[in-house]
PDB file of N, CA and C in Angstrom:
ATOM      1  N   MET A   1       3.115 -12.750  -6.123  1.00  0.00           N
ATOM      2  CA  MET A   1       2.845 -13.200  -4.766  1.00  0.00           C
ATOM      3  C   MET A   1       2.944 -12.020  -3.799  1.00  0.00           C
ATOM      4  N   VAL A   2       1.946 -11.927  -2.945  1.00  0.00           N
ATOM      5  CA  VAL A   2       1.932 -10.873  -1.940  1.00  0.00           C
ATOM      6  C   VAL A   2       2.278 -11.493  -0.590  1.00  0.00           C
ATOM      7  N   HIS A   3       3.312 -10.958   0.044  1.00  0.00           N
ATOM      8  CA  HIS A   3       3.770 -11.449   1.341  1.00  0.00           C
ATOM      9  C   HIS A   3       3.006 -10.754   2.461  1.00  0.00           C
ATOM     10  N   THR A   4       3.011 -11.363   3.621  1.00  0.00           N
ATOM     11  CA  THR A   4       2.496 -10.724   4.832  1.00  0.00           C
ATOM     12  C   THR A   4       3.692 -10.414   5.711  1.00  0.00           C
ATOM     13  N   PHE A   5       3.889  -9.132   5.986  1.00  0.00           N
ATOM     14  CA  PHE A   5       5.003  -8.721   6.823  1.00  0.00           C
ATOM     15  C   PHE A   5       4.496  -8.518   8.250  1.00  0.00           C
ATOM     16  N   THR A   6       5.305  -8.943   9.207  1.00  0.00           N
ATOM     17  CA  THR A   6       4.982  -8.819  10.628  1.00  0.00           C
ATOM     18  C   THR A   6       6.217  -8.326  11.362  1.00  0.00           C
ATOM     19  N   ALA A   7       6.061  -8.057  12.654  1.00  0.00           N
ATOM     20  CA  ALA A   7       7.210  -7.655  13.465  1.00  0.00           C
ATOM     21  C   ALA A   7       8.286  -8.736  13.441  1.00  0.00           C
ATOM     22  N   GLU A   8       7.867 -10.004  13.355  1.00  0.00           N
ATOM     23  CA  GLU A   8       8.822 -11.114  13.382  1.00  0.00           C
ATOM     24  C   GLU A   8       9.676 -11.202  12.118  1.00  0.00           C
ATOM     25  N   ASN A   9       9.093 -10.868  10.956  1.00  0.00           N
ATOM     26  CA  ASN A   9       9.856 -11.052   9.711  1.00  0.00           C
ATOM     27  C   ASN A   9      10.226  -9.747   9.004  1.00  0.00           C
ATOM     28  N   PHE A  10       9.868  -8.606   9.574  1.00  0.00           N
ATOM     29  CA  PHE A  10      10.075  -7.327   8.891  1.00  0.00           C
ATOM     30  C   PHE A  10      11.546  -7.057   8.559  1.00  0.00           C
ATOM     31  N   ALA A  11      12.432  -7.244   9.511  1.00  0.00           N
ATOM     32  CA  ALA A  11      13.857  -6.972   9.261  1.00  0.00           C
ATOM     33  C   ALA A  11      14.388  -7.872   8.156  1.00  0.00           C
ATOM     34  N   THR A  12      14.085  -9.153   8.216  1.00  0.00           N
ATOM     35  CA  THR A  12      14.587 -10.101   7.218  1.00  0.00           C
ATOM     36  C   THR A  12      13.975  -9.852   5.853  1.00  0.00           C
ATOM     37  N   GLU A  13      12.665  -9.738   5.805  1.00  0.00           N
ATOM     38  CA  GLU A  13      11.953  -9.647   4.523  1.00  0.00           C
ATOM     39  C   GLU A  13      12.033  -8.272   3.865  1.00  0.00           C
ATOM     40  N   VAL A  14      12.088  -7.207   4.668  1.00  0.00           N
ATOM     41  CA  VAL A  14      12.041  -5.852   4.120  1.00  0.00           C
ATOM     42  C   VAL A  14      13.395  -5.156   4.224  1.00  0.00           C
ATOM     43  N   LEU A  15      13.879  -4.975   5.430  1.00  0.00           N
ATOM     44  CA  LEU A  15      15.088  -4.172   5.637  1.00  0.00           C
ATOM     45  C   LEU A  15      16.337  -4.829   5.062  1.00  0.00           C
ATOM     46  N   ASN A  16      16.390  -6.164   5.067  1.00  0.00           N
ATOM     47  CA  ASN A  16      17.585  -6.858   4.569  1.00  0.00           C
ATOM     48  C   ASN A  16      17.376  -7.512   3.208  1.00  0.00           C
ATOM     49  N   SER A  17      16.343  -7.116   2.489  1.00  0.00           N
ATOM     50  CA  SER A  17      16.051  -7.709   1.181  1.00  0.00           C
ATOM     51  C   SER A  17      17.092  -7.300   0.143  1.00  0.00           C
ATOM     52  N   ASP A  18      17.411  -8.247  -0.749  1.00  0.00           N
ATOM     53  CA  ASP A  18      18.353  -7.976  -1.841  1.00  0.00           C
ATOM     54  C   ASP A  18      17.704  -7.213  -2.987  1.00  0.00           C
ATOM     55  N   ILE A  19      16.378  -7.215  -3.039  1.00  0.00           N
ATOM     56  CA  ILE A  19      15.654  -6.495  -4.089  1.00  0.00           C
ATOM     57  C   ILE A  19      14.754  -5.448  -3.439  1.00  0.00           C
ATOM     58  N   PRO A  20      14.291  -4.448  -4.222  1.00  0.00           N
ATOM     59  CA  PRO A  20      13.387  -3.449  -3.650  1.00  0.00           C
ATOM     60  C   PRO A  20      12.130  -4.116  -3.083  1.00  0.00           C
ATOM     61  N   VAL A  21      11.555  -3.485  -2.058  1.00  0.00           N
ATOM     62  CA  VAL A  21      10.367  -4.021  -1.401  1.00  0.00           C
ATOM     63  C   VAL A  21       9.291  -2.937  -1.368  1.00  0.00           C
ATOM     64  N   PHE A  22       8.074  -3.339  -1.752  1.00  0.00           N
ATOM     65  CA  PHE A  22       6.906  -2.479  -1.683  1.00  0.00           C
ATOM     66  C   PHE A  22       6.082  -2.943  -0.486  1.00  0.00           C
ATOM     67  N   VAL A  23       5.785  -2.026   0.438  1.00  0.00           N
ATOM     68  CA  VAL A  23       5.012  -2.374   1.628  1.00  0.00           C
ATOM     69  C   VAL A  23       3.718  -1.563   1.641  1.00  0.00           C
ATOM     70  N   ASP A  24       2.596  -2.280   1.676  1.00  0.00           N
ATOM     71  CA  ASP A  24       1.277  -1.667   1.757  1.00  0.00           C
ATOM     72  C   ASP A  24       0.824  -1.708   3.208  1.00  0.00           C
ATOM     73  N   PHE A  25       0.792  -0.541   3.857  1.00  0.00           N
ATOM     74  CA  PHE A  25       0.259  -0.433   5.214  1.00  0.00           C
ATOM     75  C   PHE A  25      -1.253  -0.230   5.070  1.00  0.00           C
ATOM     76  N   TYR A  26      -2.049  -1.152   5.616  1.00  0.00           N
ATOM     77  CA  TYR A  26      -3.493  -1.145   5.404  1.00  0.00           C
ATOM     78  C   TYR A  26      -4.229  -1.575   6.676  1.00  0.00           C
ATOM     79  N   ALA A  27      -5.561  -1.503   6.604  1.00  0.00           N
ATOM     80  CA  ALA A  27      -6.426  -2.077   7.647  1.00  0.00           C
ATOM     81  C   ALA A  27      -7.622  -2.716   6.949  1.00  0.00           C
ATOM     82  N   ASP A  28      -8.163  -3.749   7.565  1.00  0.00           N
ATOM     83  CA  ASP A  28      -9.291  -4.474   6.980  1.00  0.00           C
ATOM     84  C   ASP A  28     -10.533  -3.597   6.811  1.00  0.00           C
ATOM     85  N   TRP A  29     -10.701  -2.605   7.654  1.00  0.00           N
ATOM     86  CA  TRP A  29     -11.882  -1.747   7.629  1.00  0.00           C
ATOM     87  C   TRP A  29     -11.761  -0.571   6.661  1.00  0.00           C
ATOM     88  N   CYS A  30     -10.621  -0.412   6.028  1.00  0.00           N
ATOM     89  CA  CYS A  30     -10.313   0.760   5.191  1.00  0.00           C
ATOM     90  C   CYS A  30     -10.813   0.568   3.753  1.00  0.00           C
ATOM     91  N   GLY A  31     -11.800   1.364   3.354  1.00  0.00           N
ATOM     92  CA  GLY A  31     -12.352   1.280   1.998  1.00  0.00           C
ATOM     93  C   GLY A  31     -11.324   1.507   0.896  1.00  0.00           C
ATOM     94  N   PRO A  32     -10.555   2.614   0.943  1.00  0.00           N
ATOM     95  CA  PRO A  32      -9.542   2.832  -0.089  1.00  0.00           C
ATOM     96  C   PRO A  32      -8.485   1.715  -0.130  1.00  0.00           C
ATOM     97  N   CYS A  33      -8.187   1.119   1.020  1.00  0.00           N
ATOM     98  CA  CYS A  33      -7.240  -0.008   1.055  1.00  0.00           C
ATOM     99  C   CYS A  33      -7.803  -1.179   0.260  1.00  0.00           C
ATOM    100  N   LYS A  34      -9.101  -1.443   0.444  1.00  0.00           N
ATOM    101  CA  LYS A  34      -9.758  -2.532  -0.286  1.00  0.00           C
ATOM    102  C   LYS A  34      -9.755  -2.253  -1.787  1.00  0.00           C
ATOM    103  N   MET A  35      -9.915  -0.977  -2.165  1.00  0.00           N
ATOM    104  CA  MET A  35      -9.888  -0.610  -3.581  1.00  0.00           C
ATOM    105  C   MET A  35      -8.507  -0.859  -4.192  1.00  0.00           C
ATOM    106  N   MET A  36      -7.457  -0.620  -3.434  1.00  0.00           N
ATOM    107  CA  MET A  36      -6.092  -0.768  -3.946  1.00  0.00           C
ATOM    108  C   MET A  36      -5.625  -2.224  -3.969  1.00  0.00           C
ATOM    109  N   SER A  37      -6.233  -3.077  -3.184  1.00  0.00           N
ATOM    110  CA  SER A  37      -5.767  -4.454  -3.042  1.00  0.00           C
ATOM    111  C   SER A  37      -5.657  -5.215  -4.364  1.00  0.00           C
ATOM    112  N   PRO A  38      -6.679  -5.205  -5.248  1.00  0.00           N
ATOM    113  CA  PRO A  38      -6.527  -5.941  -6.504  1.00  0.00           C
ATOM    114  C   PRO A  38      -5.446  -5.351  -7.413  1.00  0.00           C
ATOM    115  N   VAL A  39      -5.259  -4.047  -7.353  1.00  0.00           N
ATOM    116  CA  VAL A  39      -4.202  -3.394  -8.142  1.00  0.00           C
ATOM    117  C   VAL A  39      -2.839  -3.879  -7.652  1.00  0.00           C
ATOM    118  N   ILE A  40      -2.665  -3.894  -6.353  1.00  0.00           N
ATOM    119  CA  ILE A  40      -1.397  -4.334  -5.769  1.00  0.00           C
ATOM    120  C   ILE A  40      -1.151  -5.812  -6.087  1.00  0.00           C
ATOM    121  N   ASP A  41      -2.196  -6.631  -6.016  1.00  0.00           N
ATOM    122  CA  ASP A  41      -2.047  -8.055  -6.342  1.00  0.00           C
ATOM    123  C   ASP A  41      -1.559  -8.249  -7.779  1.00  0.00           C
ATOM    124  N   LYS A  42      -2.131  -7.492  -8.714  1.00  0.00           N
ATOM    125  CA  LYS A  42      -1.722  -7.609 -10.126  1.00  0.00           C
ATOM    126  C   LYS A  42      -0.280  -7.148 -10.325  1.00  0.00           C
ATOM    127  N   LEU A  43       0.082  -6.045  -9.687  1.00  0.00           N
ATOM    128  CA  LEU A  43       1.454  -5.537  -9.823  1.00  0.00           C
ATOM    129  C   LEU A  43       2.453  -6.480  -9.154  1.00  0.00           C
ATOM    130  N   ALA A  44       2.044  -7.138  -8.086  1.00  0.00           N
ATOM    131  CA  ALA A  44       2.931  -8.117  -7.437  1.00  0.00           C
ATOM    132  C   ALA A  44       3.275  -9.232  -8.413  1.00  0.00           C
ATOM    133  N   ASP A  45       2.287  -9.700  -9.172  1.00  0.00           N
ATOM    134  CA  ASP A  45       2.535 -10.742 -10.169  1.00  0.00           C
ATOM    135  C   ASP A  45       3.398 -10.214 -11.310  1.00  0.00           C
ATOM    136  N   GLU A  46       3.084  -9.016 -11.764  1.00  0.00           N
ATOM    137  CA  GLU A  46       3.800  -8.428 -12.906  1.00  0.00           C
ATOM    138  C   GLU A  46       5.276  -8.140 -12.589  1.00  0.00           C
ATOM    139  N   PHE A  47       5.555  -7.746 -11.367  1.00  0.00           N
ATOM    140  CA  PHE A  47       6.923  -7.377 -10.984  1.00  0.00           C
ATOM    141  C   PHE A  47       7.606  -8.463 -10.154  1.00  0.00           C
ATOM    142  N   ASP A  48       7.038  -9.670 -10.152  1.00  0.00           N
ATOM    143  CA  ASP A  48       7.596 -10.781  -9.376  1.00  0.00           C
ATOM    144  C   ASP A  48       9.064 -11.008  -9.732  1.00  0.00           C
ATOM    145  N   GLY A  49       9.903 -11.089  -8.699  1.00  0.00           N
ATOM    146  CA  GLY A  49      11.334 -11.283  -8.909  1.00  0.00           C
ATOM    147  C   GLY A  49      12.116  -9.981  -9.017  1.00  0.00           C
ATOM    148  N   ARG A  50      11.403  -8.880  -9.271  1.00  0.00           N
ATOM    149  CA  ARG A  50      12.063  -7.570  -9.368  1.00  0.00           C
ATOM    150  C   ARG A  50      11.750  -6.680  -8.178  1.00  0.00           C
ATOM    151  N   ILE A  51      10.527  -6.807  -7.652  1.00  0.00           N
ATOM    152  CA  ILE A  51      10.106  -6.080  -6.453  1.00  0.00           C
ATOM    153  C   ILE A  51       9.337  -7.055  -5.580  1.00  0.00           C
ATOM    154  N   LYS A  52       9.721  -7.144  -4.314  1.00  0.00           N
ATOM    155  CA  LYS A  52       8.982  -7.968  -3.346  1.00  0.00           C
ATOM    156  C   LYS A  52       7.810  -7.133  -2.846  1.00  0.00           C
ATOM    157  N   VAL A  53       6.623  -7.683  -2.892  1.00  0.00           N
ATOM    158  CA  VAL A  53       5.415  -6.955  -2.506  1.00  0.00           C
ATOM    159  C   VAL A  53       4.806  -7.601  -1.271  1.00  0.00           C
ATOM    160  N   GLY A  54       4.461  -6.773  -0.290  1.00  0.00           N
ATOM    161  CA  GLY A  54       3.852  -7.300   0.916  1.00  0.00           C
ATOM    162  C   GLY A  54       2.974  -6.286   1.601  1.00  0.00           C
ATOM    163  N   LYS A  55       2.231  -6.782   2.581  1.00  0.00           N
ATOM    164  CA  LYS A  55       1.280  -5.956   3.306  1.00  0.00           C
ATOM    165  C   LYS A  55       1.521  -6.044   4.807  1.00  0.00           C
ATOM    166  N   ILE A  56       1.207  -4.944   5.469  1.00  0.00           N
ATOM    167  CA  ILE A  56       1.259  -4.892   6.929  1.00  0.00           C
ATOM    168  C   ILE A  56      -0.075  -4.347   7.418  1.00  0.00           C
ATOM    169  N   ASN A  57      -0.771  -5.122   8.232  1.00  0.00           N
ATOM    170  CA  ASN A  57      -2.017  -4.683   8.839  1.00  0.00           C
ATOM    171  C   ASN A  57      -1.658  -3.768  10.022  1.00  0.00           C
ATOM    172  N   VAL A  58      -2.009  -2.485   9.901  1.00  0.00           N
ATOM    173  CA  VAL A  58      -1.603  -1.515  10.926  1.00  0.00           C
ATOM    174  C   VAL A  58      -2.273  -1.771  12.274  1.00  0.00           C
ATOM    175  N   ASP A  59      -3.430  -2.438  12.266  1.00  0.00           N
ATOM    176  CA  ASP A  59      -4.084  -2.766  13.534  1.00  0.00           C
ATOM    177  C   ASP A  59      -3.339  -3.881  14.266  1.00  0.00           C
ATOM    178  N   ASP A  60      -2.783  -4.818  13.509  1.00  0.00           N
ATOM    179  CA  ASP A  60      -2.046  -5.935  14.105  1.00  0.00           C
ATOM    180  C   ASP A  60      -0.595  -5.589  14.401  1.00  0.00           C
ATOM    181  N   GLU A  61      -0.031  -4.688  13.623  1.00  0.00           N
ATOM    182  CA  GLU A  61       1.399  -4.351  13.729  1.00  0.00           C
ATOM    183  C   GLU A  61       1.568  -2.858  13.987  1.00  0.00           C
ATOM    184  N   SER A  62       0.965  -2.375  15.069  1.00  0.00           N
ATOM    185  CA  SER A  62       0.965  -0.938  15.353  1.00  0.00           C
ATOM    186  C   SER A  62       2.361  -0.376  15.617  1.00  0.00           C
ATOM    187  N   GLU A  63       3.274  -1.200  16.146  1.00  0.00           N
ATOM    188  CA  GLU A  63       4.636  -0.703  16.408  1.00  0.00           C
ATOM    189  C   GLU A  63       5.370  -0.390  15.105  1.00  0.00           C
ATOM    190  N   ILE A  64       5.229  -1.241  14.100  1.00  0.00           N
ATOM    191  CA  ILE A  64       5.872  -0.976  12.802  1.00  0.00           C
ATOM    192  C   ILE A  64       5.228   0.253  12.169  1.00  0.00           C
ATOM    193  N   ALA A  65       3.905   0.344  12.239  1.00  0.00           N
ATOM    194  CA  ALA A  65       3.211   1.517  11.689  1.00  0.00           C
ATOM    195  C   ALA A  65       3.713   2.797  12.358  1.00  0.00           C
ATOM    196  N   ALA A  66       3.879   2.775  13.659  1.00  0.00           N
ATOM    197  CA  ALA A  66       4.375   3.950  14.382  1.00  0.00           C
ATOM    198  C   ALA A  66       5.816   4.267  13.997  1.00  0.00           C
ATOM    199  N   GLN A  67       6.624   3.233  13.822  1.00  0.00           N
ATOM    200  CA  GLN A  67       8.035   3.417  13.456  1.00  0.00           C
ATOM    201  C   GLN A  67       8.162   4.186  12.136  1.00  0.00           C
ATOM    202  N   PHE A  68       7.200   3.970  11.214  1.00  0.00           N
ATOM    203  CA  PHE A  68       7.263   4.630   9.912  1.00  0.00           C
ATOM    204  C   PHE A  68       6.237   5.755   9.779  1.00  0.00           C
ATOM    205  N   ASN A  69       5.754   6.260  10.935  1.00  0.00           N
ATOM    206  CA  ASN A  69       4.870   7.425  10.995  1.00  0.00           C
ATOM    207  C   ASN A  69       3.644   7.296  10.095  1.00  0.00           C
ATOM    208  N   ILE A  70       3.005   6.142  10.139  1.00  0.00           N
ATOM    209  CA  ILE A  70       1.808   5.929   9.345  1.00  0.00           C
ATOM    210  C   ILE A  70       0.641   6.621  10.049  1.00  0.00           C
ATOM    211  N   MET A  71       0.174   7.708   9.451  1.00  0.00           N
ATOM    212  CA  MET A  71      -0.915   8.480  10.038  1.00  0.00           C
ATOM    213  C   MET A  71      -2.225   8.278   9.288  1.00  0.00           C
ATOM    214  N   SER A  72      -2.152   7.931   8.001  1.00  0.00           N
ATOM    215  CA  SER A  72      -3.348   7.657   7.218  1.00  0.00           C
ATOM    216  C   SER A  72      -3.049   6.490   6.286  1.00  0.00           C
ATOM    217  N   ILE A  73      -4.103   5.764   5.936  1.00  0.00           N
ATOM    218  CA  ILE A  73      -3.948   4.592   5.086  1.00  0.00           C
ATOM    219  C   ILE A  73      -4.945   4.669   3.940  1.00  0.00           C
ATOM    220  N   PRO A  74      -4.675   4.033   2.815  1.00  0.00           N
ATOM    221  CA  PRO A  74      -3.475   3.241   2.572  1.00  0.00           C
ATOM    222  C   PRO A  74      -2.236   4.125   2.473  1.00  0.00           C
ATOM    223  N   ASN A  75      -1.150   3.595   2.986  1.00  0.00           N
ATOM    224  CA  ASN A  75       0.152   4.243   2.908  1.00  0.00           C
ATOM    225  C   ASN A  75       1.099   3.170   2.401  1.00  0.00           C
ATOM    226  N   MET A  76       1.689   3.419   1.241  1.00  0.00           N
ATOM    227  CA  MET A  76       2.520   2.411   0.590  1.00  0.00           C
ATOM    228  C   MET A  76       3.925   2.958   0.420  1.00  0.00           C
ATOM    229  N   LYS A  77       4.895   2.189   0.869  1.00  0.00           N
ATOM    230  CA  LYS A  77       6.284   2.645   0.839  1.00  0.00           C
ATOM    231  C   LYS A  77       7.157   1.670   0.063  1.00  0.00           C
ATOM    232  N   PHE A  78       8.116   2.230  -0.658  1.00  0.00           N
ATOM    233  CA  PHE A  78       9.137   1.443  -1.341  1.00  0.00           C
ATOM    234  C   PHE A  78      10.414   1.510  -0.517  1.00  0.00           C
ATOM    235  N   PHE A  79      11.007   0.352  -0.262  1.00  0.00           N
ATOM    236  CA  PHE A  79      12.262   0.252   0.470  1.00  0.00           C
ATOM    237  C   PHE A  79      13.358  -0.255  -0.457  1.00  0.00           C
ATOM    238  N   LYS A  80      14.534   0.351  -0.356  1.00  0.00           N
ATOM    239  CA  LYS A  80      15.737  -0.155  -1.020  1.00  0.00           C
ATOM    240  C   LYS A  80      16.863  -0.062  -0.013  1.00  0.00           C
ATOM    241  N   GLY A  81      17.592  -1.144   0.145  1.00  0.00           N
ATOM    242  CA  GLY A  81      18.702  -1.136   1.085  1.00  0.00           C
ATOM    243  C   GLY A  81      18.278  -0.811   2.505  1.00  0.00           C
ATOM    244  N   GLY A  82      17.060  -1.193   2.865  1.00  0.00           N
ATOM    245  CA  GLY A  82      16.588  -0.970   4.226  1.00  0.00           C
ATOM    246  C   GLY A  82      16.058   0.421   4.503  1.00  0.00           C
ATOM    247  N   LYS A  83      16.003   1.278   3.473  1.00  0.00           N
ATOM    248  CA  LYS A  83      15.540   2.651   3.667  1.00  0.00           C
ATOM    249  C   LYS A  83      14.329   2.940   2.772  1.00  0.00           C
ATOM    250  N   VAL A  84      13.438   3.803   3.257  1.00  0.00           N
ATOM    251  CA  VAL A  84      12.295   4.235   2.461  1.00  0.00           C
ATOM    252  C   VAL A  84      12.800   5.183   1.375  1.00  0.00           C
ATOM    253  N   VAL A  85      12.477   4.855   0.112  1.00  0.00           N
ATOM    254  CA  VAL A  85      12.933   5.693  -1.006  1.00  0.00           C
ATOM    255  C   VAL A  85      11.776   6.366  -1.742  1.00  0.00           C
ATOM    256  N   ASP A  86      10.549   5.914  -1.485  1.00  0.00           N
ATOM    257  CA  ASP A  86       9.388   6.502  -2.164  1.00  0.00           C
ATOM    258  C   ASP A  86       8.143   6.082  -1.397  1.00  0.00           C
ATOM    259  N   GLU A  87       7.057   6.848  -1.559  1.00  0.00           N
ATOM    260  CA  GLU A  87       5.818   6.462  -0.911  1.00  0.00           C
ATOM    261  C   GLU A  87       4.627   6.993  -1.677  1.00  0.00           C
ATOM    262  N   VAL A  88       3.495   6.348  -1.448  1.00  0.00           N
ATOM    263  CA  VAL A  88       2.205   6.758  -2.001  1.00  0.00           C
ATOM    264  C   VAL A  88       1.224   6.747  -0.829  1.00  0.00           C
ATOM    265  N   VAL A  89       0.497   7.843  -0.649  1.00  0.00           N
ATOM    266  CA  VAL A  89      -0.517   7.903   0.400  1.00  0.00           C
ATOM    267  C   VAL A  89      -1.867   8.078  -0.283  1.00  0.00           C
ATOM    268  N   GLY A  90      -2.788   7.180   0.031  1.00  0.00           N
ATOM    269  CA  GLY A  90      -4.114   7.227  -0.566  1.00  0.00           C
ATOM    270  C   GLY A  90      -4.217   6.345  -1.794  1.00  0.00           C
ATOM    271  N   ALA A  91      -5.439   6.178  -2.263  1.00  0.00           N
ATOM    272  CA  ALA A  91      -5.695   5.347  -3.445  1.00  0.00           C
ATOM    273  C   ALA A  91      -5.363   6.146  -4.703  1.00  0.00           C
ATOM    274  N   ILE A  92      -4.670   5.499  -5.635  1.00  0.00           N
ATOM    275  CA  ILE A  92      -4.335   6.132  -6.907  1.00  0.00           C
ATOM    276  C   ILE A  92      -4.671   5.148  -8.027  1.00  0.00           C
ATOM    277  N   PRO A  93      -4.816   5.636  -9.275  1.00  0.00           N
ATOM    278  CA  PRO A  93      -5.134   4.744 -10.389  1.00  0.00           C
ATOM    279  C   PRO A  93      -4.021   3.723 -10.643  1.00  0.00           C
ATOM    280  N   LYS A  94      -4.394   2.587 -11.249  1.00  0.00           N
ATOM    281  CA  LYS A  94      -3.429   1.522 -11.515  1.00  0.00           C
ATOM    282  C   LYS A  94      -2.244   2.032 -12.337  1.00  0.00           C
ATOM    283  N   ALA A  95      -2.509   2.848 -13.357  1.00  0.00           N
ATOM    284  CA  ALA A  95      -1.423   3.343 -14.213  1.00  0.00           C
ATOM    285  C   ALA A  95      -0.410   4.151 -13.403  1.00  0.00           C
ATOM    286  N   ALA A  96      -0.890   4.967 -12.477  1.00  0.00           N
ATOM    287  CA  ALA A  96       0.008   5.761 -11.635  1.00  0.00           C
ATOM    288  C   ALA A  96       0.805   4.859 -10.698  1.00  0.00           C
ATOM    289  N   MET A  97       0.152   3.824 -10.167  1.00  0.00           N
ATOM    290  CA  MET A  97       0.859   2.896  -9.274  1.00  0.00           C
ATOM    291  C   MET A  97       1.901   2.102 -10.058  1.00  0.00           C
ATOM    292  N   LYS A  98       1.556   1.686 -11.266  1.00  0.00           N
ATOM    293  CA  LYS A  98       2.511   0.950 -12.090  1.00  0.00           C
ATOM    294  C   LYS A  98       3.735   1.816 -12.390  1.00  0.00           C
ATOM    295  N   ALA A  99       3.521   3.085 -12.640  1.00  0.00           N
ATOM    296  CA  ALA A  99       4.637   4.014 -12.898  1.00  0.00           C
ATOM    297  C   ALA A  99       5.545   4.103 -11.669  1.00  0.00           C
ATOM    298  N   LYS A 100       4.957   4.091 -10.489  1.00  0.00           N
ATOM    299  CA  LYS A 100       5.753   4.103  -9.254  1.00  0.00           C
ATOM    300  C   LYS A 100       6.595   2.825  -9.152  1.00  0.00           C
ATOM    301  N   PHE A 101       5.992   1.691  -9.477  1.00  0.00           N
ATOM    302  CA  PHE A 101       6.729   0.421  -9.457  1.00  0.00           C
ATOM    303  C   PHE A 101       7.899   0.487 -10.434  1.00  0.00           C
ATOM    304  N   GLU A 102       7.628   0.944 -11.661  1.00  0.00           N
ATOM    305  CA  GLU A 102       8.683   1.016 -12.672  1.00  0.00           C
ATOM    306  C   GLU A 102       9.815   1.937 -12.236  1.00  0.00           C
ATOM    307  N   ALA A 103       9.484   3.011 -11.553  1.00  0.00           N
ATOM    308  CA  ALA A 103      10.489   3.975 -11.097  1.00  0.00           C
ATOM    309  C   ALA A 103      11.339   3.403  -9.949  1.00  0.00           C
ATOM    310  N   ASN A 104      10.840   2.376  -9.273  1.00  0.00           N
ATOM    311  CA  ASN A 104      11.535   1.859  -8.095  1.00  0.00           C
ATOM    312  C   ASN A 104      12.121   0.469  -8.268  1.00  0.00           C
ATOM    313  N   VAL A 105      12.139  -0.048  -9.485  1.00  0.00           N
ATOM    314  CA  VAL A 105      12.736  -1.361  -9.731  1.00  0.00           C
ATOM    315  C   VAL A 105      14.227  -1.262  -9.505  1.00  0.00           C
TER     316      VAL A 105
END
């Protein structure tokens, strides 16, 4: 399951989560973001219960994007204990993304 993170639920869903959280900062107009979407959906199912997966539309949530210095998208960050512990910028192959998930469980 892929969650939608917003300014209203970001602290609860991401910063205060008991499990690691993967956040995909994207925009609807972004080609590489669209390419990564099915990969992220599959990994969300595969890692369900171990990593919470969600997306933030940078056009709708510009304050959160600015808070985490999102300058280019897709920009994907792993959070543990409310802090960013890893990130991926740009589209990468599924195997490389899966390795990132495994490293951040």
